[in-house]
N, C-alpha and C. Protein backbone atom coordinates (compact mmCIF):
# COMPACT_ATOMS: atom_id res chain seq x y z
N MET A 1 -5.47 -11.80 5.82
CA MET A 1 -4.76 -11.19 5.97
C MET A 1 -4.95 -10.39 4.59
N HIS A 2 -5.45 -9.05 4.81
CA HIS A 2 -5.71 -8.22 3.55
C HIS A 2 -4.33 -7.14 3.21
N VAL A 3 -4.46 -6.86 2.27
CA VAL A 3 -3.09 -6.66 2.25
C VAL A 3 -3.21 -5.03 0.66
N PHE A 4 -3.54 -3.99 0.94
CA PHE A 4 -3.42 -2.79 0.53
C PHE A 4 -2.16 -2.68 -0.99
N ILE A 5 -2.06 -2.55 -1.80
CA ILE A 5 -1.00 -2.09 -2.56
C ILE A 5 -1.35 -0.98 -2.67
N ALA A 6 -0.63 0.27 -2.27
CA ALA A 6 0.02 1.62 -2.53
C ALA A 6 0.88 1.96 -3.95
N GLY A 7 0.82 3.29 -4.73
CA GLY A 7 2.05 2.71 -4.80
C GLY A 7 1.57 4.94 -5.98
N VAL A 8 2.87 5.29 -6.71
CA VAL A 8 2.61 6.18 -7.30
C VAL A 8 1.93 5.30 -9.01
N MET A 9 1.38 6.70 -8.89
CA MET A 9 0.61 6.77 -10.13
C MET A 9 1.09 7.21 -11.22
N GLN A 10 0.24 9.18 -10.63
CA GLN A 10 0.65 9.58 -11.71
C GLN A 10 1.83 10.39 -11.22
N GLY A 11 2.43 10.71 -10.26
CA GLY A 11 3.35 10.95 -9.24
C GLY A 11 3.40 12.80 -9.41
N ASP A 12 4.55 13.19 -10.24
CA ASP A 12 5.12 14.05 -10.69
C ASP A 12 4.42 14.61 -11.83
N ARG A 13 3.45 13.99 -12.83
CA ARG A 13 3.95 14.28 -13.78
C ARG A 13 2.71 15.28 -14.06
N LEU A 14 2.30 15.80 -14.64
CA LEU A 14 1.41 16.95 -15.50
C LEU A 14 0.69 16.60 -16.27
N ASP A 15 0.78 15.41 -17.03
CA ASP A 15 -0.76 15.33 -17.65
C ASP A 15 -1.30 13.77 -17.28
N ASN A 16 -2.60 13.67 -17.47
CA ASN A 16 -3.32 13.12 -16.90
C ASN A 16 -2.98 10.95 -17.44
N GLN A 17 -1.65 11.03 -17.63
CA GLN A 17 -1.08 9.75 -17.57
C GLN A 17 -1.04 8.55 -16.82
N ILE A 18 -0.40 7.80 -16.65
CA ILE A 18 -0.23 6.83 -15.40
C ILE A 18 1.03 5.86 -15.61
N ASP A 19 2.40 5.97 -14.43
CA ASP A 19 3.06 5.55 -14.42
C ASP A 19 3.49 4.30 -14.72
N ASP A 20 4.33 3.85 -14.85
CA ASP A 20 4.24 2.16 -15.03
C ASP A 20 3.86 1.38 -14.07
N GLN A 21 3.11 0.76 -14.10
CA GLN A 21 2.43 -0.03 -12.73
C GLN A 21 2.78 -1.76 -12.79
N ASP A 22 3.70 -2.15 -13.39
CA ASP A 22 4.15 -3.51 -13.63
C ASP A 22 4.98 -3.40 -11.78
N TYR A 23 5.07 -3.29 -10.92
CA TYR A 23 5.73 -3.65 -9.35
C TYR A 23 4.15 -3.68 -8.81
N ARG A 24 3.19 -3.03 -9.25
CA ARG A 24 1.67 -3.85 -8.99
C ARG A 24 1.71 -5.54 -8.97
N VAL A 25 2.63 -5.66 -10.33
CA VAL A 25 1.95 -7.34 -10.64
C VAL A 25 2.93 -8.16 -9.56
N ARG A 26 4.27 -7.55 -9.52
CA ARG A 26 5.41 -8.45 -9.22
C ARG A 26 4.60 -8.01 -7.61
N ILE A 27 4.38 -7.34 -6.75
CA ILE A 27 4.37 -7.47 -5.47
C ILE A 27 2.83 -8.40 -5.24
N ALA A 28 1.70 -8.37 -5.91
CA ALA A 28 0.83 -9.05 -5.26
C ALA A 28 1.15 -10.64 -6.50
N GLU A 29 2.33 -10.80 -7.03
CA GLU A 29 2.69 -12.19 -7.57
C GLU A 29 2.55 -12.77 -6.35
N SER A 30 3.72 -11.95 -5.29
CA SER A 30 4.80 -12.23 -3.92
C SER A 30 4.05 -12.38 -3.10
N LEU A 31 2.72 -12.03 -3.08
CA LEU A 31 1.75 -11.81 -1.90
C LEU A 31 0.88 -13.16 -2.35
N GLN A 32 0.05 -13.32 -3.25
CA GLN A 32 0.07 -14.57 -4.01
C GLN A 32 0.94 -15.75 -3.90
N THR A 33 1.84 -15.98 -4.10
CA THR A 33 2.40 -16.91 -3.80
C THR A 33 3.11 -17.49 -2.83
N HIS A 34 3.57 -16.80 -1.79
CA HIS A 34 3.97 -16.74 -0.20
C HIS A 34 2.48 -16.63 1.00
N LEU A 35 1.80 -15.26 0.73
CA LEU A 35 0.76 -15.45 1.96
C LEU A 35 -0.84 -16.54 1.57
N PRO A 36 -0.90 -18.06 0.91
CA PRO A 36 -2.23 -18.43 0.41
C PRO A 36 -3.79 -17.27 1.16
N GLY A 37 -4.60 -17.16 0.40
CA GLY A 37 -5.12 -17.10 0.90
C GLY A 37 -5.71 -15.51 1.47
N VAL A 38 -4.36 -14.62 0.62
CA VAL A 38 -4.58 -13.39 1.21
C VAL A 38 -5.26 -12.36 -0.51
N GLN A 39 -5.92 -11.29 0.34
CA GLN A 39 -6.94 -10.54 -0.18
C GLN A 39 -5.89 -9.09 -0.66
N ILE A 40 -6.02 -9.22 -1.58
CA ILE A 40 -5.86 -8.17 -2.28
C ILE A 40 -6.27 -6.64 -2.92
N SER A 41 -6.26 -5.59 -2.45
CA SER A 41 -6.46 -4.22 -2.81
C SER A 41 -5.74 -3.74 -3.32
N ASP A 42 -6.07 -3.84 -4.87
CA ASP A 42 -5.02 -2.49 -5.68
C ASP A 42 -6.12 -1.75 -6.15
N PRO A 43 -5.79 -1.02 -5.93
CA PRO A 43 -6.14 0.56 -7.34
C PRO A 43 -6.26 0.36 -8.26
N TRP A 44 -5.33 -0.23 -8.84
CA TRP A 44 -4.64 0.21 -10.41
C TRP A 44 -5.40 -0.78 -10.39
N VAL A 45 -5.95 -2.09 -10.40
CA VAL A 45 -7.18 -3.04 -10.83
C VAL A 45 -8.34 -2.87 -10.31
N LEU A 46 -8.80 -2.50 -9.43
CA LEU A 46 -9.88 -1.75 -9.37
C LEU A 46 -10.70 -0.49 -9.76
N ASN A 47 -9.60 0.18 -10.36
CA ASN A 47 -10.24 0.78 -11.24
C ASN A 47 -9.45 1.06 -12.93
N PRO A 48 -9.74 0.16 -13.48
CA PRO A 48 -9.17 0.49 -15.05
C PRO A 48 -9.47 1.33 -15.79
N GLY A 49 -8.86 2.16 -16.47
CA GLY A 49 -9.50 3.51 -16.97
C GLY A 49 -10.14 4.52 -16.33
N SER A 50 -9.15 4.85 -15.41
CA SER A 50 -9.00 6.27 -14.55
C SER A 50 -8.86 7.34 -14.65
N VAL A 51 -7.96 7.59 -16.23
CA VAL A 51 -8.10 8.46 -16.24
C VAL A 51 -8.46 9.42 -17.06
N ASP A 52 -9.58 8.14 -17.58
CA ASP A 52 -11.03 8.60 -18.23
C ASP A 52 -11.67 8.89 -17.01
N TYR A 53 -12.05 8.72 -16.20
CA TYR A 53 -13.16 8.61 -15.12
C TYR A 53 -13.50 10.30 -15.09
N ASP A 54 -14.54 10.84 -14.82
CA ASP A 54 -15.69 11.99 -14.80
C ASP A 54 -15.04 12.65 -13.73
N GLU A 55 -15.19 14.31 -13.02
CA GLU A 55 -15.30 14.52 -12.34
C GLU A 55 -15.22 13.53 -10.97
N ALA A 56 -17.18 13.28 -10.98
CA ALA A 56 -17.37 13.28 -9.60
C ALA A 56 -16.94 11.28 -9.37
N GLN A 57 -16.59 10.46 -10.41
CA GLN A 57 -16.33 9.23 -10.61
C GLN A 57 -14.67 9.54 -9.71
N ALA A 58 -13.95 10.53 -10.61
CA ALA A 58 -12.88 10.48 -10.08
C ALA A 58 -12.55 10.49 -8.15
N ARG A 59 -13.21 11.69 -7.81
CA ARG A 59 -13.21 12.33 -6.83
C ARG A 59 -14.08 11.18 -5.81
N SER A 60 -15.07 10.15 -6.13
CA SER A 60 -15.43 9.04 -5.48
C SER A 60 -14.84 8.01 -5.03
N THR A 61 -14.14 7.98 -6.26
CA THR A 61 -12.93 6.22 -6.27
C THR A 61 -11.78 7.07 -5.39
N PHE A 62 -11.01 8.43 -6.24
CA PHE A 62 -10.11 8.17 -4.81
C PHE A 62 -10.16 8.59 -3.43
N LEU A 63 -11.66 8.70 -2.84
CA LEU A 63 -11.80 8.52 -1.23
C LEU A 63 -12.45 7.36 -1.00
N ASN A 64 -12.58 6.68 -2.15
CA ASN A 64 -12.56 5.46 -1.40
C ASN A 64 -11.82 4.75 -1.40
N MET A 65 -10.71 4.70 -2.45
CA MET A 65 -9.66 3.78 -2.26
C MET A 65 -9.02 4.16 -0.96
N THR A 66 -9.14 5.62 -0.51
CA THR A 66 -7.94 6.11 0.87
C THR A 66 -8.58 5.40 2.02
N VAL A 67 -9.66 5.51 1.88
CA VAL A 67 -11.04 4.90 3.42
C VAL A 67 -9.95 3.11 3.20
N LEU A 68 -10.51 2.30 1.71
CA LEU A 68 -9.78 0.76 2.06
C LEU A 68 -8.65 0.68 2.64
N ALA A 69 -7.56 1.16 2.43
CA ALA A 69 -6.26 1.30 2.54
C ALA A 69 -6.67 1.02 3.81
N GLY A 70 -7.15 2.18 4.86
CA GLY A 70 -7.53 1.76 6.36
C GLY A 70 -7.82 0.99 7.14
N GLU A 71 -8.43 0.01 5.70
CA GLU A 71 -9.29 -0.86 6.72
C GLU A 71 -7.92 -2.60 5.50
N ALA A 72 -7.24 -2.30 5.16
CA ALA A 72 -6.17 -2.86 5.10
C ALA A 72 -5.56 -3.95 6.44
N ASP A 73 -4.76 -4.75 6.72
CA ASP A 73 -3.75 -4.97 7.98
C ASP A 73 -2.71 -4.82 7.77
N LEU A 74 -2.45 -4.33 6.17
CA LEU A 74 -0.71 -4.19 5.76
C LEU A 74 -1.00 -3.34 4.35
N LEU A 75 -0.18 -2.36 4.36
CA LEU A 75 -0.23 -1.75 3.40
C LEU A 75 1.31 -1.52 2.90
N ILE A 76 1.46 -1.92 1.70
CA ILE A 76 2.89 -1.85 1.11
C ILE A 76 2.56 -0.67 -0.05
N ALA A 77 3.42 0.65 0.02
CA ALA A 77 3.73 1.85 -0.64
C ALA A 77 5.07 1.63 -1.61
N TYR A 78 4.86 1.64 -2.71
CA TYR A 78 6.18 1.89 -3.38
C TYR A 78 6.00 3.00 -4.10
N LEU A 79 7.05 3.69 -3.62
CA LEU A 79 7.43 5.07 -4.00
C LEU A 79 8.77 5.64 -3.94
N PRO A 80 8.99 4.88 -5.09
CA PRO A 80 10.57 5.26 -6.27
C PRO A 80 10.66 6.97 -6.10
N THR A 81 9.16 7.52 -6.50
CA THR A 81 9.27 8.79 -6.44
C THR A 81 8.55 8.86 -5.70
N VAL A 82 7.81 10.57 -4.21
CA VAL A 82 7.16 11.13 -4.39
C VAL A 82 5.35 11.06 -4.61
N SER A 83 4.45 10.70 -3.46
CA SER A 83 3.13 10.29 -4.49
C SER A 83 2.48 11.16 -3.52
N MET A 84 1.96 12.36 -3.72
CA MET A 84 -0.03 12.71 -3.27
C MET A 84 -0.93 11.13 -2.46
N GLY A 85 -1.00 10.96 -3.76
CA GLY A 85 -2.50 10.02 -3.25
C GLY A 85 -1.70 9.00 -2.68
N THR A 86 -0.90 8.14 -2.09
CA THR A 86 -0.49 7.36 -1.60
C THR A 86 0.28 7.91 -0.07
N ALA A 87 0.97 9.10 -0.26
CA ALA A 87 0.88 9.75 1.51
C ALA A 87 -0.54 10.00 2.10
N MET A 88 -1.80 10.11 0.91
CA MET A 88 -3.32 10.14 2.12
C MET A 88 -3.55 8.63 2.31
N GLU A 89 -2.97 7.79 1.38
CA GLU A 89 -3.50 6.69 1.60
C GLU A 89 -2.52 5.75 3.28
N MET A 90 -1.17 6.16 2.82
CA MET A 90 -0.64 5.59 3.87
C MET A 90 -1.18 6.60 5.09
N TRP A 91 -1.67 8.12 5.62
CA TRP A 91 -2.23 8.24 6.50
C TRP A 91 -3.07 7.94 7.00
N GLN A 92 -4.35 7.73 6.12
CA GLN A 92 -5.71 6.73 6.23
C GLN A 92 -4.97 5.26 7.47
N ALA A 93 -3.91 4.64 6.45
CA ALA A 93 -4.12 3.75 7.07
C ALA A 93 -3.40 3.55 8.66
N PHE A 94 -2.20 5.27 8.39
CA PHE A 94 -1.48 5.04 9.72
C PHE A 94 -3.05 5.50 10.82
N GLN A 95 -3.99 6.01 10.70
CA GLN A 95 -4.41 6.77 11.47
C GLN A 95 -5.92 5.12 12.04
N THR A 96 -5.91 4.18 11.33
CA THR A 96 -6.45 3.56 11.55
C THR A 96 -5.04 2.19 12.15
N ASP A 97 -4.16 1.84 12.43
CA ASP A 97 -3.50 1.04 12.85
C ASP A 97 -3.04 0.15 12.28
N THR A 98 -3.21 0.50 11.12
CA THR A 98 -2.87 -0.82 9.86
C THR A 98 -1.31 -0.52 9.54
N TYR A 99 -0.57 -1.23 9.53
CA TYR A 99 0.88 -2.18 9.80
C TYR A 99 1.37 -1.46 8.23
N ILE A 100 2.09 -0.07 7.99
CA ILE A 100 2.75 0.51 6.84
C ILE A 100 3.87 0.32 6.23
N VAL A 101 4.43 -0.69 5.56
CA VAL A 101 5.56 -0.95 4.69
C VAL A 101 5.65 0.31 3.40
N ALA A 102 7.21 0.77 3.53
CA ALA A 102 7.52 1.80 2.54
C ALA A 102 8.67 1.02 1.71
N VAL A 103 8.47 1.06 0.26
CA VAL A 103 9.31 0.98 -0.21
C VAL A 103 10.17 2.25 -1.19
N THR A 104 11.26 2.73 -0.93
CA THR A 104 11.80 3.89 -0.93
C THR A 104 12.70 4.50 -0.74
N PRO A 105 13.75 5.14 -1.61
CA PRO A 105 14.68 5.74 -0.77
C PRO A 105 14.80 6.93 -0.67
N HIS A 106 13.62 7.71 -0.17
CA HIS A 106 13.36 8.75 0.16
C HIS A 106 13.29 8.53 1.90
N VAL A 107 13.49 8.00 2.15
CA VAL A 107 13.77 7.82 3.82
C VAL A 107 13.81 9.34 4.62
N HIS A 108 13.97 10.29 3.93
CA HIS A 108 14.08 11.66 4.84
C HIS A 108 12.37 12.54 5.20
N HIS A 109 11.75 12.03 4.04
CA HIS A 109 10.25 12.63 4.11
C HIS A 109 9.83 12.22 5.24
N TRP A 110 8.96 13.36 6.23
CA TRP A 110 8.40 13.16 7.13
C TRP A 110 7.04 12.23 7.20
N ALA A 111 6.02 12.49 6.27
CA ALA A 111 4.91 11.63 5.05
C ALA A 111 5.35 10.06 5.70
N ILE A 112 6.46 10.18 5.21
CA ILE A 112 6.67 8.59 5.05
C ILE A 112 7.68 8.53 6.79
N ARG A 113 8.66 8.89 7.18
CA ARG A 113 9.31 8.02 8.21
C ARG A 113 8.28 7.79 9.74
N PHE A 114 7.49 9.50 9.43
CA PHE A 114 6.35 9.04 10.65
C PHE A 114 4.90 8.47 10.14
N THR A 115 4.79 7.44 9.51
CA THR A 115 4.15 6.66 9.22
C THR A 115 4.17 5.16 8.88
N ALA A 116 5.04 4.87 8.33
CA ALA A 116 5.52 3.74 7.86
C ALA A 116 6.43 3.01 9.46
N ASN A 117 5.20 1.92 9.10
CA ASN A 117 6.32 0.84 10.22
C ASN A 117 8.25 0.85 10.19
N GLU A 118 7.58 0.24 8.43
CA GLU A 118 9.09 -0.37 8.03
C GLU A 118 9.68 0.71 6.74
N VAL A 119 10.85 0.64 6.17
CA VAL A 119 10.88 1.61 5.29
C VAL A 119 12.23 0.59 4.43
N LEU A 120 12.14 0.39 3.52
CA LEU A 120 12.84 -0.59 2.64
C LEU A 120 13.36 -0.33 1.18
N PRO A 121 14.44 -0.53 1.49
CA PRO A 121 14.87 0.50 -0.11
C PRO A 121 14.59 -0.23 -1.10
N ASP A 122 14.07 -1.25 -1.41
CA ASP A 122 14.06 -1.31 -3.11
C ASP A 122 13.25 -3.13 -2.62
N LEU A 123 12.16 -3.30 -4.16
CA LEU A 123 11.05 -4.26 -3.68
C LEU A 123 11.80 -5.77 -3.74
N ASN A 124 12.97 -5.58 -3.86
CA ASN A 124 13.81 -7.20 -3.84
C ASN A 124 13.70 -7.38 -2.13
N SER A 125 13.70 -6.71 -1.36
CA SER A 125 14.15 -6.39 0.22
C SER A 125 12.75 -7.19 0.39
N LEU A 126 11.36 -6.12 -0.17
CA LEU A 126 10.31 -6.72 0.59
C LEU A 126 9.83 -8.04 0.19
N GLU A 127 10.00 -8.42 -1.16
CA GLU A 127 9.98 -10.32 -1.78
C GLU A 127 10.89 -10.61 -0.37
N GLU A 128 11.88 -10.42 -0.28
CA GLU A 128 12.93 -11.27 0.85
C GLU A 128 11.55 -11.33 1.69
N LYS A 129 11.11 -10.41 2.32
CA LYS A 129 10.41 -10.24 3.56
C LYS A 129 9.34 -11.14 3.63
N ILE A 130 8.39 -11.19 2.22
CA ILE A 130 7.58 -11.49 2.30
C ILE A 130 7.43 -13.06 1.93
N GLN A 131 8.82 -13.52 1.37
CA GLN A 131 8.53 -15.00 1.44
C GLN A 131 8.93 -15.90 2.71
N ASP A 132 9.92 -14.96 3.26
CA ASP A 132 10.55 -15.43 4.42
C ASP A 132 9.11 -15.72 5.42
N GLY A 133 8.32 -15.53 5.71
CA GLY A 133 7.47 -15.12 6.51
C GLY A 133 6.99 -13.84 7.03
N HIS A 134 8.07 -13.12 6.96
CA HIS A 134 7.84 -11.41 8.08
C HIS A 134 6.54 -11.32 8.51
N TYR A 135 6.10 -10.64 7.21
CA TYR A 135 4.77 -9.70 7.05
C TYR A 135 3.47 -10.65 7.84
N ALA A 136 3.43 -12.14 7.24
CA ALA A 136 2.43 -13.06 8.30
C ALA A 136 2.55 -12.53 9.80
N ARG A 137 4.57 -12.92 10.29
CA ARG A 137 4.20 -13.47 11.36
C ARG A 137 3.69 -11.67 12.35
N VAL A 138 4.11 -11.11 11.34
CA VAL A 138 3.75 -9.63 11.52
C VAL A 138 2.32 -9.31 12.39
N ILE A 139 1.38 -10.01 11.58
CA ILE A 139 0.17 -9.72 11.31
C ILE A 139 -0.96 -10.53 12.08
N ASP A 140 -0.23 -11.52 12.33
CA ASP A 140 -0.39 -12.45 13.35
C ASP A 140 -0.28 -12.29 14.77
N GLN A 141 1.28 -11.95 15.06
CA GLN A 141 1.19 -11.28 16.14
C GLN A 141 0.31 -9.79 16.59
N ARG A 142 -0.57 -8.68 15.51
CA ARG A 142 -0.91 -7.44 15.72
C ARG A 142 -2.57 -8.11 16.29
N LEU A 143 -2.29 -9.05 15.61
CA LEU A 143 -4.04 -9.50 15.88
C LEU A 143 -4.13 -10.40 17.48
N VAL A 144 -2.96 -11.33 18.20
CA VAL A 144 -2.73 -11.49 18.81
C VAL A 144 -2.99 -10.20 20.39
N ASP A 145 -2.16 -9.41 19.85
CA ASP A 145 -2.17 -8.47 20.78
C ASP A 145 -3.47 -7.42 20.93
N ALA A 146 -3.99 -7.27 19.76
CA ALA A 146 -5.37 -6.81 19.64
C ALA A 146 -6.42 -7.57 20.74
N ALA A 147 -6.32 -9.40 20.61
CA ALA A 147 -6.95 -9.71 21.31
C ALA A 147 -7.12 -9.22 22.42
N GLU A 148 -5.71 -9.54 22.99
CA GLU A 148 -5.73 -9.69 24.47
C GLU A 148 -5.76 -8.31 25.14
N ASP A 149 -5.39 -7.25 24.05
CA ASP A 149 -6.12 -6.03 24.77
C ASP A 149 -7.51 -5.23 24.85
N GLY A 150 -7.98 -6.24 24.19
CA GLY A 150 -9.85 -6.73 24.47
C GLY A 150 -10.38 -5.74 22.86
N GLU A 151 -9.63 -5.23 22.11
CA GLU A 151 -10.58 -4.38 20.64
C GLU A 151 -11.05 -5.48 19.67
């Protein structure tokens, strides 16, 4: 299973710094513990020091990460605040029928409501679903359904 971890990096910041990214470690550790063999794509891990990229490298990274989001089986979007970059990743994933889970209190935002398959209130809820095998079952069933549909 390929999982893309999306989430707030800069959010509504006015400077070029990055918000705390500890949630990514927590999600990745839960996935690795409970989904043996999981492949994780995490833009934060893949692009260390991205705030210092020049314009061309930043543009390329942004566009490539958005495409990568659409190649995953599962996209987990952590959104304690809204994020334009995460919304773009969710949109790309939605376009390719990736299963999307949003972890957010922003249940009324249309970009979240109309792209996410599930909306969870917090990381504890996400971890419980990862631990009980929910996402392994969901992705397995989607693969079976796609095979039966001839995709």
